[in-house]
Amino acid sequence: SYDAVSYLLIYGKMPDTGELAEFSINLRKERKV
């Protein structure tokens, strides 16, 4: 997923299931402008 690759680029490692879920939730919360 793009979220997983973004996490990898920014944090320098592949996210585990929990880390990816939290990252994706935070991204989706911030979509509105």
PDB file of all heavy atoms in Angstrom:
ATOM      1  N   SER A   1       0.846  -1.191   0.000  1.00  0.00           N
ATOM      2  CA  SER A   1       0.000   0.000   0.000  1.00  0.00           C
ATOM      3  C   SER A   1       0.882   1.242   0.000  1.00  0.00           C
ATOM      4  O   SER A   1       2.038   1.204   0.452  1.00  0.00           O
ATOM      5  CB  SER A   1      -0.906   0.018   1.230  1.00  0.00           C
ATOM      6  OG  SER A   1      -0.138   0.224   2.410  1.00  0.00           O
ATOM      7  N   TYR A   2       0.327   2.350  -0.479  1.00  0.00           N
ATOM      8  CA  TYR A   2       1.095   3.598  -0.449  1.00  0.00           C
ATOM      9  C   TYR A   2       1.394   4.016   0.982  1.00  0.00           C
ATOM     10  O   TYR A   2       2.470   4.553   1.270  1.00  0.00           O
ATOM     11  CB  TYR A   2       0.343   4.706  -1.183  1.00  0.00           C
ATOM     12  CG  TYR A   2       1.099   6.016  -1.195  1.00  0.00           C
ATOM     13  CD1 TYR A   2       2.238   6.173  -1.978  1.00  0.00           C
ATOM     14  CD2 TYR A   2       0.694   7.094  -0.408  1.00  0.00           C
ATOM     15  CE1 TYR A   2       2.951   7.371  -1.988  1.00  0.00           C
ATOM     16  CE2 TYR A   2       1.397   8.294  -0.406  1.00  0.00           C
ATOM     17  CZ  TYR A   2       2.523   8.420  -1.194  1.00  0.00           C
ATOM     18  OH  TYR A   2       3.238   9.598  -1.187  1.00  0.00           O
ATOM     19  N   ASP A   3       0.456   3.768   1.889  1.00  0.00           N
ATOM     20  CA  ASP A   3       0.684   4.109   3.291  1.00  0.00           C
ATOM     21  C   ASP A   3       1.915   3.385   3.836  1.00  0.00           C
ATOM     22  O   ASP A   3       2.741   3.981   4.535  1.00  0.00           O
ATOM     23  CB  ASP A   3      -0.534   3.742   4.141  1.00  0.00           C
ATOM     24  CG  ASP A   3      -1.741   4.618   3.868  1.00  0.00           C
ATOM     25  OD1 ASP A   3      -1.636   5.513   3.000  1.00  0.00           O
ATOM     26  OD2 ASP A   3      -2.779   4.414   4.510  1.00  0.00           O
ATOM     27  N   ALA A   4       2.048   2.094   3.510  1.00  0.00           N
ATOM     28  CA  ALA A   4       3.182   1.311   4.003  1.00  0.00           C
ATOM     29  C   ALA A   4       4.497   1.846   3.442  1.00  0.00           C
ATOM     30  O   ALA A   4       5.498   1.949   4.161  1.00  0.00           O
ATOM     31  CB  ALA A   4       3.012  -0.159   3.632  1.00  0.00           C
ATOM     32  N   VAL A   5       4.499   2.197   2.156  1.00  0.00           N
ATOM     33  CA  VAL A   5       5.717   2.709   1.529  1.00  0.00           C
ATOM     34  C   VAL A   5       6.064   4.093   2.078  1.00  0.00           C
ATOM     35  O   VAL A   5       7.235   4.413   2.305  1.00  0.00           O
ATOM     36  CB  VAL A   5       5.566   2.740  -0.005  1.00  0.00           C
ATOM     37  CG1 VAL A   5       6.768   3.401  -0.662  1.00  0.00           C
ATOM     38  CG2 VAL A   5       5.392   1.321  -0.540  1.00  0.00           C
ATOM     39  N   SER A   6       5.060   4.918   2.321  1.00  0.00           N
ATOM     40  CA  SER A   6       5.304   6.233   2.926  1.00  0.00           C
ATOM     41  C   SER A   6       5.923   6.079   4.310  1.00  0.00           C
ATOM     42  O   SER A   6       6.866   6.797   4.669  1.00  0.00           O
ATOM     43  CB  SER A   6       3.993   7.023   3.048  1.00  0.00           C
ATOM     44  OG  SER A   6       3.500   7.369   1.775  1.00  0.00           O
ATOM     45  N   TYR A   7       5.388   5.155   5.086  1.00  0.00           N
ATOM     46  CA  TYR A   7       5.925   4.895   6.423  1.00  0.00           C
ATOM     47  C   TYR A   7       7.390   4.474   6.318  1.00  0.00           C
ATOM     48  O   TYR A   7       8.246   4.952   7.073  1.00  0.00           O
ATOM     49  CB  TYR A   7       5.101   3.805   7.108  1.00  0.00           C
ATOM     50  CG  TYR A   7       5.440   3.602   8.574  1.00  0.00           C
ATOM     51  CD1 TYR A   7       4.634   4.147   9.574  1.00  0.00           C
ATOM     52  CD2 TYR A   7       6.558   2.861   8.963  1.00  0.00           C
ATOM     53  CE1 TYR A   7       4.947   3.966  10.917  1.00  0.00           C
ATOM     54  CE2 TYR A   7       6.874   2.690  10.296  1.00  0.00           C
ATOM     55  CZ  TYR A   7       6.068   3.234  11.279  1.00  0.00           C
ATOM     56  OH  TYR A   7       6.376   3.056  12.607  1.00  0.00           O
ATOM     57  N   LEU A   8       7.677   3.574   5.392  1.00  0.00           N
ATOM     58  CA  LEU A   8       9.048   3.105   5.183  1.00  0.00           C
ATOM     59  C   LEU A   8       9.979   4.274   4.867  1.00  0.00           C
ATOM     60  O   LEU A   8      11.070   4.390   5.446  1.00  0.00           O
ATOM     61  CB  LEU A   8       9.076   2.091   4.036  1.00  0.00           C
ATOM     62  CG  LEU A   8      10.461   1.694   3.495  1.00  0.00           C
ATOM     63  CD1 LEU A   8      11.218   0.863   4.516  1.00  0.00           C
ATOM     64  CD2 LEU A   8      10.314   0.936   2.177  1.00  0.00           C
ATOM     65  N   LEU A   9       9.574   5.140   3.953  1.00  0.00           N
ATOM     66  CA  LEU A   9      10.419   6.262   3.547  1.00  0.00           C
ATOM     67  C   LEU A   9      10.661   7.228   4.698  1.00  0.00           C
ATOM     68  O   LEU A   9      11.782   7.703   4.904  1.00  0.00           O
ATOM     69  CB  LEU A   9       9.784   6.997   2.365  1.00  0.00           C
ATOM     70  CG  LEU A   9       9.811   6.259   1.023  1.00  0.00           C
ATOM     71  CD1 LEU A   9       8.919   6.960   0.007  1.00  0.00           C
ATOM     72  CD2 LEU A   9      11.237   6.161   0.489  1.00  0.00           C
ATOM     73  N   ILE A  10       9.619   7.512   5.458  1.00  0.00           N
ATOM     74  CA  ILE A  10       9.711   8.541   6.493  1.00  0.00           C
ATOM     75  C   ILE A  10      10.390   8.025   7.763  1.00  0.00           C
ATOM     76  O   ILE A  10      11.234   8.709   8.347  1.00  0.00           O
ATOM     77  CB  ILE A  10       8.306   9.090   6.807  1.00  0.00           C
ATOM     78  CG1 ILE A  10       7.794   9.876   5.587  1.00  0.00           C
ATOM     79  CG2 ILE A  10       8.320   9.976   8.052  1.00  0.00           C
ATOM     80  CD1 ILE A  10       6.327  10.045   5.528  1.00  0.00           C
ATOM     81  N   TYR A  11      10.045   6.817   8.169  1.00  0.00           N
ATOM     82  CA  TYR A  11      10.568   6.286   9.436  1.00  0.00           C
ATOM     83  C   TYR A  11      11.758   5.341   9.259  1.00  0.00           C
ATOM     84  O   TYR A  11      12.369   4.935  10.250  1.00  0.00           O
ATOM     85  CB  TYR A  11       9.454   5.582  10.204  1.00  0.00           C
ATOM     86  CG  TYR A  11       8.375   6.536  10.678  1.00  0.00           C
ATOM     87  CD1 TYR A  11       7.151   6.613  10.001  1.00  0.00           C
ATOM     88  CD2 TYR A  11       8.585   7.372  11.764  1.00  0.00           C
ATOM     89  CE1 TYR A  11       6.166   7.494  10.423  1.00  0.00           C
ATOM     90  CE2 TYR A  11       7.600   8.252  12.187  1.00  0.00           C
ATOM     91  CZ  TYR A  11       6.398   8.311  11.512  1.00  0.00           C
ATOM     92  OH  TYR A  11       5.410   9.195  11.915  1.00  0.00           O
ATOM     93  N   GLY A  12      12.065   4.971   8.024  1.00  0.00           N
ATOM     94  CA  GLY A  12      13.255   4.179   7.786  1.00  0.00           C
ATOM     95  C   GLY A  12      13.112   2.693   8.010  1.00  0.00           C
ATOM     96  O   GLY A  12      14.111   1.961   7.975  1.00  0.00           O
ATOM     97  N   LYS A  13      11.906   2.213   8.211  1.00  0.00           N
ATOM     98  CA  LYS A  13      11.679   0.776   8.402  1.00  0.00           C
ATOM     99  C   LYS A  13      10.263   0.423   7.980  1.00  0.00           C
ATOM    100  O   LYS A  13       9.373   1.281   7.947  1.00  0.00           O
ATOM    101  CB  LYS A  13      11.885   0.381   9.863  1.00  0.00           C
ATOM    102  CG  LYS A  13      10.829   0.888  10.835  1.00  0.00           C
ATOM    103  CD  LYS A  13      11.165   0.480  12.258  1.00  0.00           C
ATOM    104  CE  LYS A  13      10.021   0.807  13.232  1.00  0.00           C
ATOM    105  NZ  LYS A  13       8.864  -0.080  13.065  1.00  0.00           N
ATOM    106  N   MET A  14      10.052  -0.850   7.669  1.00  0.00           N
ATOM    107  CA  MET A  14       8.701  -1.303   7.336  1.00  0.00           C
ATOM    108  C   MET A  14       7.853  -1.329   8.602  1.00  0.00           C
ATOM    109  O   MET A  14       8.313  -1.787   9.649  1.00  0.00           O
ATOM    110  CB  MET A  14       8.745  -2.701   6.711  1.00  0.00           C
ATOM    111  CG  MET A  14       9.274  -2.730   5.288  1.00  0.00           C
ATOM    112  SD  MET A  14       8.281  -1.746   4.124  1.00  0.00           S
ATOM    113  CE  MET A  14       6.685  -2.541   4.271  1.00  0.00           C
ATOM    114  N   PRO A  15       6.628  -0.851   8.529  1.00  0.00           N
ATOM    115  CA  PRO A  15       5.772  -0.862   9.727  1.00  0.00           C
ATOM    116  C   PRO A  15       5.241  -2.257  10.018  1.00  0.00           C
ATOM    117  O   PRO A  15       5.009  -3.051   9.097  1.00  0.00           O
ATOM    118  CB  PRO A  15       4.628   0.074   9.321  1.00  0.00           C
ATOM    119  CG  PRO A  15       4.530  -0.086   7.833  1.00  0.00           C
ATOM    120  CD  PRO A  15       5.950  -0.276   7.359  1.00  0.00           C
ATOM    121  N   ASP A  16       5.042  -2.551  11.303  1.00  0.00           N
ATOM    122  CA  ASP A  16       4.325  -3.781  11.634  1.00  0.00           C
ATOM    123  C   ASP A  16       2.831  -3.497  11.485  1.00  0.00           C
ATOM    124  O   ASP A  16       2.420  -2.367  11.166  1.00  0.00           O
ATOM    125  CB  ASP A  16       4.687  -4.295  13.028  1.00  0.00           C
ATOM    126  CG  ASP A  16       4.364  -3.317  14.154  1.00  0.00           C
ATOM    127  OD1 ASP A  16       3.411  -2.521  14.001  1.00  0.00           O
ATOM    128  OD2 ASP A  16       5.069  -3.335  15.189  1.00  0.00           O
ATOM    129  N   THR A  17       1.990  -4.473  11.740  1.00  0.00           N
ATOM    130  CA  THR A  17       0.547  -4.321  11.510  1.00  0.00           C
ATOM    131  C   THR A  17      -0.041  -3.172  12.309  1.00  0.00           C
ATOM    132  O   THR A  17      -0.810  -2.356  11.790  1.00  0.00           O
ATOM    133  CB  THR A  17      -0.177  -5.630  11.866  1.00  0.00           C
ATOM    134  OG1 THR A  17       0.380  -6.701  11.100  1.00  0.00           O
ATOM    135  CG2 THR A  17      -1.671  -5.518  11.558  1.00  0.00           C
ATOM    136  N   GLY A  18       0.349  -3.077  13.575  1.00  0.00           N
ATOM    137  CA  GLY A  18      -0.178  -2.014  14.435  1.00  0.00           C
ATOM    138  C   GLY A  18       0.296  -0.639  14.011  1.00  0.00           C
ATOM    139  O   GLY A  18      -0.494   0.324  13.999  1.00  0.00           O
ATOM    140  N   GLU A  19       1.568  -0.532  13.677  1.00  0.00           N
ATOM    141  CA  GLU A  19       2.123   0.759  13.255  1.00  0.00           C
ATOM    142  C   GLU A  19       1.483   1.241  11.964  1.00  0.00           C
ATOM    143  O   GLU A  19       1.173   2.442  11.818  1.00  0.00           O
ATOM    144  CB  GLU A  19       3.635   0.630  13.070  1.00  0.00           C
ATOM    145  CG  GLU A  19       4.401   0.481  14.375  1.00  0.00           C
ATOM    146  CD  GLU A  19       5.843   0.065  14.177  1.00  0.00           C
ATOM    147  OE1 GLU A  19       6.142  -0.570  13.132  1.00  0.00           O
ATOM    148  OE2 GLU A  19       6.674   0.355  15.066  1.00  0.00           O
ATOM    149  N   LEU A  20       1.265   0.335  11.019  1.00  0.00           N
ATOM    150  CA  LEU A  20       0.636   0.711   9.755  1.00  0.00           C
ATOM    151  C   LEU A  20      -0.806   1.139   9.968  1.00  0.00           C
ATOM    152  O   LEU A  20      -1.266   2.134   9.384  1.00  0.00           O
ATOM    153  CB  LEU A  20       0.698  -0.450   8.761  1.00  0.00           C
ATOM    154  CG  LEU A  20       0.063  -0.193   7.395  1.00  0.00           C
ATOM    155  CD1 LEU A  20       0.679   1.020   6.720  1.00  0.00           C
ATOM    156  CD2 LEU A  20       0.204  -1.424   6.497  1.00  0.00           C
ATOM    157  N   ALA A  21      -1.528   0.429  10.815  1.00  0.00           N
ATOM    158  CA  ALA A  21      -2.927   0.762  11.091  1.00  0.00           C
ATOM    159  C   ALA A  21      -3.025   2.166  11.700  1.00  0.00           C
ATOM    160  O   ALA A  21      -3.872   2.978  11.291  1.00  0.00           O
ATOM    161  CB  ALA A  21      -3.543  -0.270  12.027  1.00  0.00           C
ATOM    162  N   GLU A  22      -2.158   2.457  12.671  1.00  0.00           N
ATOM    163  CA  GLU A  22      -2.177   3.776  13.314  1.00  0.00           C
ATOM    164  C   GLU A  22      -1.811   4.878  12.327  1.00  0.00           C
ATOM    165  O   GLU A  22      -2.438   5.944  12.297  1.00  0.00           O
ATOM    166  CB  GLU A  22      -1.207   3.786  14.495  1.00  0.00           C
ATOM    167  CG  GLU A  22      -1.197   5.114  15.254  1.00  0.00           C
ATOM    168  CD  GLU A  22      -0.208   5.124  16.404  1.00  0.00           C
ATOM    169  OE1 GLU A  22       0.539   4.135  16.563  1.00  0.00           O
ATOM    170  OE2 GLU A  22      -0.165   6.136  17.135  1.00  0.00           O
ATOM    171  N   PHE A  23      -0.800   4.623  11.493  1.00  0.00           N
ATOM    172  CA  PHE A  23      -0.368   5.597  10.489  1.00  0.00           C
ATOM    173  C   PHE A  23      -1.498   5.886   9.501  1.00  0.00           C
ATOM    174  O   PHE A  23      -1.780   7.044   9.176  1.00  0.00           O
ATOM    175  CB  PHE A  23       0.862   5.048   9.766  1.00  0.00           C
ATOM    176  CG  PHE A  23       1.503   6.003   8.798  1.00  0.00           C
ATOM    177  CD1 PHE A  23       2.123   7.159   9.245  1.00  0.00           C
ATOM    178  CD2 PHE A  23       1.513   5.733   7.431  1.00  0.00           C
ATOM    179  CE1 PHE A  23       2.736   8.042   8.348  1.00  0.00           C
ATOM    180  CE2 PHE A  23       2.118   6.596   6.539  1.00  0.00           C
ATOM    181  CZ  PHE A  23       2.734   7.751   7.000  1.00  0.00           C
ATOM    182  N   SER A  24      -2.165   4.843   9.024  1.00  0.00           N
ATOM    183  CA  SER A  24      -3.258   5.006   8.059  1.00  0.00           C
ATOM    184  C   SER A  24      -4.427   5.765   8.679  1.00  0.00           C
ATOM    185  O   SER A  24      -5.029   6.637   8.025  1.00  0.00           O
ATOM    186  CB  SER A  24      -3.729   3.637   7.561  1.00  0.00           C
ATOM    187  OG  SER A  24      -2.727   2.998   6.808  1.00  0.00           O
ATOM    188  N   ILE A  25      -4.743   5.455   9.934  1.00  0.00           N
ATOM    189  CA  ILE A  25      -5.837   6.166  10.623  1.00  0.00           C
ATOM    190  C   ILE A  25      -5.521   7.652  10.729  1.00  0.00           C
ATOM    191  O   ILE A  25      -6.369   8.510  10.462  1.00  0.00           O
ATOM    192  CB  ILE A  25      -6.079   5.560  12.023  1.00  0.00           C
ATOM    193  CG1 ILE A  25      -6.746   4.186  11.890  1.00  0.00           C
ATOM    194  CG2 ILE A  25      -6.955   6.481  12.870  1.00  0.00           C
ATOM    195  CD1 ILE A  25      -6.801   3.397  13.189  1.00  0.00           C
ATOM    196  N   ASN A  26      -4.293   7.968  11.099  1.00  0.00           N
ATOM    197  CA  ASN A  26      -3.888   9.374  11.222  1.00  0.00           C
ATOM    198  C   ASN A  26      -3.946  10.097   9.887  1.00  0.00           C
ATOM    199  O   ASN A  26      -4.366  11.260   9.813  1.00  0.00           O
ATOM    200  CB  ASN A  26      -2.485   9.462  11.814  1.00  0.00           C
ATOM    201  CG  ASN A  26      -2.440   9.063  13.282  1.00  0.00           C
ATOM    202  OD1 ASN A  26      -3.440   9.160  13.984  1.00  0.00           O
ATOM    203  ND2 ASN A  26      -1.280   8.626  13.745  1.00  0.00           N
ATOM    204  N   LEU A  27      -3.533   9.430   8.817  1.00  0.00           N
ATOM    205  CA  LEU A  27      -3.616  10.036   7.487  1.00  0.00           C
ATOM    206  C   LEU A  27      -5.067  10.317   7.099  1.00  0.00           C
ATOM    207  O   LEU A  27      -5.391  11.397   6.590  1.00  0.00           O
ATOM    208  CB  LEU A  27      -2.974   9.116   6.442  1.00  0.00           C
ATOM    209  CG  LEU A  27      -1.449   9.058   6.385  1.00  0.00           C
ATOM    210  CD1 LEU A  27      -0.990   7.981   5.407  1.00  0.00           C
ATOM    211  CD2 LEU A  27      -0.856  10.405   5.978  1.00  0.00           C
ATOM    212  N   ARG A  28      -5.925   9.351   7.336  1.00  0.00           N
ATOM    213  CA  ARG A  28      -7.328   9.517   6.928  1.00  0.00           C
ATOM    214  C   ARG A  28      -8.030  10.603   7.736  1.00  0.00           C
ATOM    215  O   ARG A  28      -8.940  11.270   7.225  1.00  0.00           O
ATOM    216  CB  ARG A  28      -8.058   8.172   7.049  1.00  0.00           C
ATOM    217  CG  ARG A  28      -7.499   7.144   6.073  1.00  0.00           C
ATOM    218  CD  ARG A  28      -8.168   5.779   6.174  1.00  0.00           C
ATOM    219  NE  ARG A  28      -7.395   4.778   5.427  1.00  0.00           N
ATOM    220  CZ  ARG A  28      -7.902   3.683   4.901  1.00  0.00           C
ATOM    221  NH1 ARG A  28      -9.193   3.418   5.039  1.00  0.00           N
ATOM    222  NH2 ARG A  28      -7.133   2.835   4.242  1.00  0.00           N
ATOM    223  N   LYS A  29      -7.617  10.816   8.977  1.00  0.00           N
ATOM    224  CA  LYS A  29      -8.190  11.872   9.811  1.00  0.00           C
ATOM    225  C   LYS A  29      -7.832  13.261   9.288  1.00  0.00           C
ATOM    226  O   LYS A  29      -8.555  14.228   9.542  1.00  0.00           O
ATOM    227  CB  LYS A  29      -7.675  11.742  11.250  1.00  0.00           C
ATOM    228  CG  LYS A  29      -8.327  10.641  12.061  1.00  0.00           C
ATOM    229  CD  LYS A  29      -7.710  10.620  13.470  1.00  0.00           C
ATOM    230  CE  LYS A  29      -8.322   9.523  14.332  1.00  0.00           C
ATOM    231  NZ  LYS A  29      -7.665   9.468  15.669  1.00  0.00           N
ATOM    232  N   GLU A  30      -6.710  13.367   8.576  1.00  0.00           N
ATOM    233  CA  GLU A  30      -6.205  14.671   8.153  1.00  0.00           C
ATOM    234  C   GLU A  30      -6.488  14.991   6.683  1.00  0.00           C
ATOM    235  O   GLU A  30      -5.932  15.943   6.136  1.00  0.00           O
ATOM    236  CB  GLU A  30      -4.693  14.748   8.399  1.00  0.00           C
ATOM    237  CG  GLU A  30      -4.304  14.727   9.865  1.00  0.00           C
ATOM    238  CD  GLU A  30      -4.667  16.020  10.594  1.00  0.00           C
ATOM    239  OE1 GLU A  30      -5.105  16.987   9.930  1.00  0.00           O
ATOM    240  OE2 GLU A  30      -4.522  16.063  11.822  1.00  0.00           O
ATOM    241  N   ARG A  31      -7.351  14.223   6.038  1.00  0.00           N
ATOM    242  CA  ARG A  31      -7.603  14.445   4.614  1.00  0.00           C
ATOM    243  C   ARG A  31      -8.388  15.719   4.315  1.00  0.00           C
ATOM    244  O   ARG A  31      -8.209  16.336   3.262  1.00  0.00           O
ATOM    245  CB  ARG A  31      -8.360  13.239   4.020  1.00  0.00           C
ATOM    246  CG  ARG A  31      -7.483  12.027   3.792  1.00  0.00           C
ATOM    247  CD  ARG A  31      -8.310  10.836   3.341  1.00  0.00           C
ATOM    248  NE  ARG A  31      -7.474   9.682   2.998  1.00  0.00           N
ATOM    249  CZ  ARG A  31      -7.944   8.470   2.748  1.00  0.00           C
ATOM    250  NH1 ARG A  31      -9.266   8.248   2.780  1.00  0.00           N
ATOM    251  NH2 ARG A  31      -7.111   7.484   2.440  1.00  0.00           N
ATOM    252  N   LYS A  32      -9.260  16.119   5.225  1.00  0.00           N
ATOM    253  CA  LYS A  32     -10.064  17.315   4.976  1.00  0.00           C
ATOM    254  C   LYS A  32      -9.187  18.562   5.038  1.00  0.00           C
ATOM    255  O   LYS A  32      -8.245  18.632   5.811  1.00  0.00           O
ATOM    256  CB  LYS A  32     -11.194  17.411   5.992  1.00  0.00           C
ATOM    257  CG  LYS A  32     -12.284  16.363   5.803  1.00  0.00           C
ATOM    258  CD  LYS A  32     -13.431  16.585   6.778  1.00  0.00           C
ATOM    259  CE  LYS A  32     -14.539  15.557   6.567  1.00  0.00           C
ATOM    260  NZ  LYS A  32     -15.664  15.748   7.516  1.00  0.00           N
ATOM    261  N   VAL A  33      -9.522  19.539   4.193  1.00  0.00           N
ATOM    262  CA  VAL A  33      -8.773  20.796   4.188  1.00  0.00           C
ATOM    263  C   VAL A  33      -9.641  21.921   4.729  1.00  0.00           C
ATOM    264  O   VAL A  33     -10.878  21.834   4.745  1.00  0.00           O
ATOM    265  CB  VAL A  33      -8.268  21.140   2.766  1.00  0.00           C
ATOM    266  CG1 VAL A  33      -7.323  20.070   2.258  1.00  0.00           C
ATOM    267  CG2 VAL A  33      -9.433  21.333   1.797  1.00  0.00           C
TER     268      VAL A  33
END
